């Protein structure tokens, strides 16, 4: 499993640079201070959204990997199935 952390600051700068490049290719006047400020704010928001999406995807992937390793362990006999554990616990409480 890869451990990579996406920096919000790095992502923001990448988004900001790409938006500025796209705007510079258009036939528009040079952006003013107000336009640059608006671009930086929107790139911050976009970076936040993308970082949250990346975190959710990472958590989902980790959850799937964890469940797959559990299933593999049960199949190989390293761990007991959850149903067996519940039955053993239930049988132990009946004996008492």
N, C-alpha and C. Protein backbone atom coordinates (compact mmCIF):
# COMPACT_ATOMS: atom_id res chain seq x y z
N UNK A 1 0.84 -1.17 0.00
CA UNK A 1 0.00 0.00 0.00
C UNK A 1 0.89 1.25 0.00
N UNK A 2 0.60 2.15 -0.90
CA UNK A 2 1.38 3.36 -1.02
C UNK A 2 0.89 4.39 -0.01
N UNK A 3 1.87 5.08 0.59
CA UNK A 3 1.51 6.16 1.50
C UNK A 3 1.94 7.46 0.86
N UNK A 4 1.01 8.12 0.20
CA UNK A 4 1.29 9.41 -0.41
C UNK A 4 0.31 10.42 0.15
N UNK A 5 0.84 11.55 0.52
CA UNK A 5 0.00 12.60 1.07
C UNK A 5 -0.02 13.76 0.07
N UNK A 6 -1.21 14.20 -0.26
CA UNK A 6 -1.36 15.30 -1.20
C UNK A 6 -1.47 16.59 -0.41
N UNK A 7 -0.56 17.49 -0.67
CA UNK A 7 -0.55 18.76 0.02
C UNK A 7 -1.58 19.70 -0.61
N UNK A 8 -2.37 20.32 0.23
CA UNK A 8 -3.39 21.25 -0.26
C UNK A 8 -2.71 22.46 -0.90
N UNK A 9 -1.59 22.86 -0.33
CA UNK A 9 -0.87 24.02 -0.86
C UNK A 9 -0.30 23.73 -2.25
N UNK A 10 0.27 22.54 -2.43
CA UNK A 10 0.83 22.17 -3.73
C UNK A 10 -0.27 22.04 -4.77
N UNK A 11 -1.37 21.42 -4.38
CA UNK A 11 -2.49 21.26 -5.30
C UNK A 11 -3.07 22.62 -5.69
N UNK A 12 -3.13 23.53 -4.72
CA UNK A 12 -3.64 24.87 -4.99
C UNK A 12 -2.75 25.60 -6.00
N UNK A 13 -1.44 25.47 -5.85
CA UNK A 13 -0.54 26.15 -6.78
C UNK A 13 -0.63 25.56 -8.18
N UNK A 14 -0.79 24.24 -8.26
CA UNK A 14 -0.94 23.60 -9.57
C UNK A 14 -2.21 24.07 -10.26
N UNK A 15 -3.31 24.12 -9.51
CA UNK A 15 -4.59 24.56 -10.07
C UNK A 15 -4.51 26.03 -10.49
N UNK A 16 -3.90 26.85 -9.64
CA UNK A 16 -3.79 28.27 -9.93
C UNK A 16 -2.95 28.49 -11.19
N UNK A 17 -1.82 27.80 -11.30
CA UNK A 17 -0.97 27.95 -12.48
C UNK A 17 -1.68 27.51 -13.75
N UNK A 18 -2.39 26.40 -13.68
CA UNK A 18 -3.07 25.91 -14.88
C UNK A 18 -4.20 26.84 -15.29
N UNK A 19 -4.91 27.41 -14.31
CA UNK A 19 -5.98 28.36 -14.66
C UNK A 19 -5.39 29.63 -15.28
N UNK A 20 -4.27 30.11 -14.75
CA UNK A 20 -3.64 31.30 -15.31
C UNK A 20 -3.12 31.04 -16.72
N UNK A 21 -2.57 29.84 -16.95
CA UNK A 21 -2.11 29.49 -18.29
C UNK A 21 -3.27 29.44 -19.27
N UNK A 22 -4.39 28.85 -18.84
CA UNK A 22 -5.56 28.76 -19.72
C UNK A 22 -6.10 30.14 -20.04
N UNK A 23 -6.12 31.03 -19.07
CA UNK A 23 -6.64 32.37 -19.30
C UNK A 23 -5.68 33.18 -20.17
N UNK A 24 -4.39 32.97 -20.00
CA UNK A 24 -3.42 33.73 -20.80
C UNK A 24 -3.47 33.34 -22.28
N UNK A 25 -3.92 32.13 -22.59
CA UNK A 25 -4.02 31.69 -23.98
C UNK A 25 -5.22 32.33 -24.69
N UNK A 26 -6.15 32.84 -23.91
CA UNK A 26 -7.31 33.52 -24.50
C UNK A 26 -6.93 34.95 -24.90
N UNK A 27 -7.67 35.52 -25.79
CA UNK A 27 -7.42 36.90 -26.21
C UNK A 27 -8.13 37.86 -25.26
N UNK A 28 -7.59 37.96 -24.04
CA UNK A 28 -8.15 38.84 -23.03
C UNK A 28 -7.07 39.80 -22.56
N UNK A 29 -7.47 40.94 -22.01
CA UNK A 29 -6.46 41.85 -21.45
C UNK A 29 -5.76 41.21 -20.25
N UNK A 30 -4.62 41.76 -19.89
CA UNK A 30 -3.87 41.24 -18.75
C UNK A 30 -4.73 41.33 -17.49
N UNK A 31 -4.79 40.22 -16.69
CA UNK A 31 -5.66 40.25 -15.51
C UNK A 31 -5.21 41.27 -14.47
N UNK A 32 -6.19 41.94 -13.88
CA UNK A 32 -5.90 42.94 -12.86
C UNK A 32 -5.68 42.24 -11.52
N UNK A 33 -5.39 43.06 -10.51
CA UNK A 33 -5.15 42.52 -9.17
C UNK A 33 -6.41 41.83 -8.65
N UNK A 34 -7.57 42.41 -8.95
CA UNK A 34 -8.85 41.84 -8.52
C UNK A 34 -9.08 40.48 -9.17
N UNK A 35 -8.75 40.36 -10.44
CA UNK A 35 -8.92 39.08 -11.15
C UNK A 35 -7.96 38.03 -10.60
N UNK A 36 -6.71 38.41 -10.34
CA UNK A 36 -5.74 37.46 -9.78
C UNK A 36 -6.16 36.99 -8.38
N UNK A 37 -6.71 37.90 -7.59
CA UNK A 37 -7.19 37.56 -6.26
C UNK A 37 -8.34 36.56 -6.34
N UNK A 38 -9.25 36.80 -7.28
CA UNK A 38 -10.38 35.90 -7.49
C UNK A 38 -9.90 34.52 -7.94
N UNK A 39 -8.89 34.48 -8.80
CA UNK A 39 -8.32 33.21 -9.24
C UNK A 39 -7.70 32.45 -8.07
N UNK A 40 -6.99 33.15 -7.20
CA UNK A 40 -6.35 32.46 -6.07
C UNK A 40 -7.40 31.93 -5.09
N UNK A 41 -8.47 32.70 -4.87
CA UNK A 41 -9.53 32.22 -3.97
C UNK A 41 -10.23 31.00 -4.54
N UNK A 42 -10.51 31.04 -5.83
CA UNK A 42 -11.19 29.89 -6.43
C UNK A 42 -10.28 28.67 -6.48
N UNK A 43 -8.98 28.89 -6.66
CA UNK A 43 -8.06 27.74 -6.65
C UNK A 43 -7.96 27.14 -5.25
N UNK A 44 -8.07 27.98 -4.22
CA UNK A 44 -8.08 27.45 -2.85
C UNK A 44 -9.29 26.56 -2.63
N UNK A 45 -10.45 27.01 -3.08
CA UNK A 45 -11.67 26.23 -2.91
C UNK A 45 -11.60 24.92 -3.68
N UNK A 46 -11.12 25.00 -4.91
CA UNK A 46 -10.99 23.78 -5.72
C UNK A 46 -10.01 22.80 -5.09
N UNK A 47 -8.91 23.31 -4.57
CA UNK A 47 -7.92 22.44 -3.93
C UNK A 47 -8.52 21.75 -2.72
N UNK A 48 -9.31 22.47 -1.94
CA UNK A 48 -9.96 21.89 -0.77
C UNK A 48 -10.90 20.76 -1.18
N UNK A 49 -11.67 20.99 -2.22
CA UNK A 49 -12.60 19.97 -2.70
C UNK A 49 -11.85 18.73 -3.17
N UNK A 50 -10.79 18.94 -3.94
CA UNK A 50 -10.05 17.80 -4.46
C UNK A 50 -9.31 17.04 -3.36
N UNK A 51 -8.79 17.73 -2.37
CA UNK A 51 -8.11 17.05 -1.26
C UNK A 51 -9.11 16.18 -0.49
N UNK A 52 -10.32 16.70 -0.28
CA UNK A 52 -11.35 15.91 0.40
C UNK A 52 -11.71 14.67 -0.42
N UNK A 53 -11.81 14.83 -1.73
CA UNK A 53 -12.12 13.69 -2.59
C UNK A 53 -11.01 12.64 -2.52
N UNK A 54 -9.78 13.09 -2.53
CA UNK A 54 -8.64 12.17 -2.47
C UNK A 54 -8.64 11.42 -1.14
N UNK A 55 -8.95 12.12 -0.05
CA UNK A 55 -9.00 11.47 1.27
C UNK A 55 -10.09 10.40 1.31
N UNK A 56 -11.27 10.72 0.76
CA UNK A 56 -12.36 9.74 0.75
C UNK A 56 -12.00 8.51 -0.07
N UNK A 57 -11.38 8.73 -1.23
CA UNK A 57 -10.98 7.60 -2.06
C UNK A 57 -9.93 6.74 -1.36
N UNK A 58 -9.02 7.37 -0.66
CA UNK A 58 -7.98 6.63 0.07
C UNK A 58 -8.61 5.79 1.18
N UNK A 59 -9.55 6.37 1.92
CA UNK A 59 -10.23 5.63 2.98
C UNK A 59 -10.99 4.45 2.43
N UNK A 60 -11.69 4.64 1.29
CA UNK A 60 -12.42 3.54 0.67
C UNK A 60 -11.47 2.43 0.26
N UNK A 61 -10.34 2.81 -0.35
CA UNK A 61 -9.36 1.82 -0.80
C UNK A 61 -8.80 1.04 0.39
N UNK A 62 -8.51 1.74 1.48
CA UNK A 62 -7.98 1.07 2.68
C UNK A 62 -9.01 0.13 3.27
N UNK A 63 -10.27 0.53 3.28
CA UNK A 63 -11.33 -0.31 3.82
C UNK A 63 -11.47 -1.58 3.00
N UNK A 64 -11.42 -1.45 1.67
CA UNK A 64 -11.52 -2.62 0.80
C UNK A 64 -10.34 -3.55 1.00
N UNK A 65 -9.14 -2.98 1.09
CA UNK A 65 -7.95 -3.80 1.31
C UNK A 65 -8.02 -4.53 2.64
N UNK A 66 -8.51 -3.85 3.67
CA UNK A 66 -8.62 -4.46 4.99
C UNK A 66 -9.60 -5.62 4.97
N UNK A 67 -10.73 -5.43 4.31
CA UNK A 67 -11.72 -6.50 4.26
C UNK A 67 -11.21 -7.67 3.42
N UNK A 68 -10.46 -7.39 2.36
CA UNK A 68 -9.90 -8.47 1.55
C UNK A 68 -8.86 -9.27 2.31
N UNK A 69 -8.03 -8.59 3.10
CA UNK A 69 -7.04 -9.33 3.89
C UNK A 69 -7.72 -10.16 4.96
N UNK A 70 -8.82 -9.65 5.52
CA UNK A 70 -9.56 -10.42 6.52
C UNK A 70 -10.14 -11.68 5.89
N UNK A 71 -10.71 -11.54 4.71
CA UNK A 71 -11.29 -12.69 4.02
C UNK A 71 -10.19 -13.71 3.70
N UNK A 72 -9.05 -13.22 3.25
CA UNK A 72 -7.93 -14.12 2.95
C UNK A 72 -7.46 -14.84 4.21
N UNK A 73 -7.40 -14.12 5.34
CA UNK A 73 -6.99 -14.75 6.59
C UNK A 73 -7.99 -15.81 7.04
N UNK A 74 -9.27 -15.55 6.86
CA UNK A 74 -10.30 -16.53 7.23
C UNK A 74 -10.17 -17.77 6.35
N UNK A 75 -9.95 -17.55 5.07
CA UNK A 75 -9.84 -18.68 4.14
C UNK A 75 -8.60 -19.51 4.40
N UNK A 76 -7.51 -18.88 4.80
CA UNK A 76 -6.28 -19.63 5.07
C UNK A 76 -6.29 -20.23 6.47
N UNK A 77 -7.20 -19.80 7.31
CA UNK A 77 -7.30 -20.37 8.65
C UNK A 77 -6.58 -19.58 9.72
N UNK A 78 -6.09 -18.42 9.40
CA UNK A 78 -5.38 -17.61 10.38
C UNK A 78 -6.35 -16.96 11.38
N UNK A 79 -7.55 -16.65 10.92
CA UNK A 79 -8.56 -16.04 11.78
C UNK A 79 -9.85 -16.81 11.65
N UNK A 80 -10.69 -16.69 12.67
CA UNK A 80 -12.00 -17.34 12.62
C UNK A 80 -13.02 -16.41 12.01
N UNK A 81 -14.03 -16.97 11.44
CA UNK A 81 -15.11 -16.20 10.83
C UNK A 81 -15.89 -15.47 11.92
N UNK A 82 -16.48 -14.35 11.60
CA UNK A 82 -17.23 -13.56 12.59
C UNK A 82 -18.41 -14.34 13.13
N UNK A 83 -19.06 -15.14 12.28
CA UNK A 83 -20.21 -15.94 12.73
C UNK A 83 -19.76 -16.97 13.76
N UNK A 84 -18.61 -17.60 13.51
CA UNK A 84 -18.09 -18.59 14.46
C UNK A 84 -17.79 -17.93 15.80
N UNK A 85 -17.22 -16.73 15.77
CA UNK A 85 -16.90 -16.03 17.02
C UNK A 85 -18.17 -15.74 17.81
N UNK A 86 -19.24 -15.29 17.11
CA UNK A 86 -20.49 -14.98 17.79
C UNK A 86 -21.10 -16.24 18.39
N UNK A 87 -21.05 -17.35 17.62
CA UNK A 87 -21.61 -18.61 18.12
C UNK A 87 -20.86 -19.10 19.35
N UNK A 88 -19.54 -18.98 19.34
CA UNK A 88 -18.74 -19.40 20.48
C UNK A 88 -19.05 -18.52 21.70
N UNK A 89 -19.19 -17.24 21.47
CA UNK A 89 -19.49 -16.32 22.56
C UNK A 89 -20.88 -16.62 23.12
N UNK A 90 -21.84 -16.88 22.25
CA UNK A 90 -23.20 -17.20 22.66
C UNK A 90 -23.23 -18.51 23.44
N UNK A 91 -22.48 -19.49 22.99
CA UNK A 91 -22.45 -20.80 23.68
C UNK A 91 -21.80 -20.66 25.04
N UNK A 92 -20.79 -19.81 25.17
CA UNK A 92 -20.11 -19.61 26.43
C UNK A 92 -21.04 -18.92 27.45
N UNK A 93 -21.87 -18.01 26.98
CA UNK A 93 -22.78 -17.32 27.90
C UNK A 93 -23.91 -18.25 28.32
N UNK A 94 -24.30 -19.20 27.49
CA UNK A 94 -25.34 -20.16 27.86
C UNK A 94 -24.84 -21.11 28.94
N UNK A 95 -23.57 -21.48 28.87
CA UNK A 95 -23.00 -22.39 29.86
C UNK A 95 -22.96 -21.76 31.25
N UNK A 96 -22.77 -20.47 31.32
CA UNK A 96 -22.69 -19.78 32.60
C UNK A 96 -24.04 -19.56 33.13
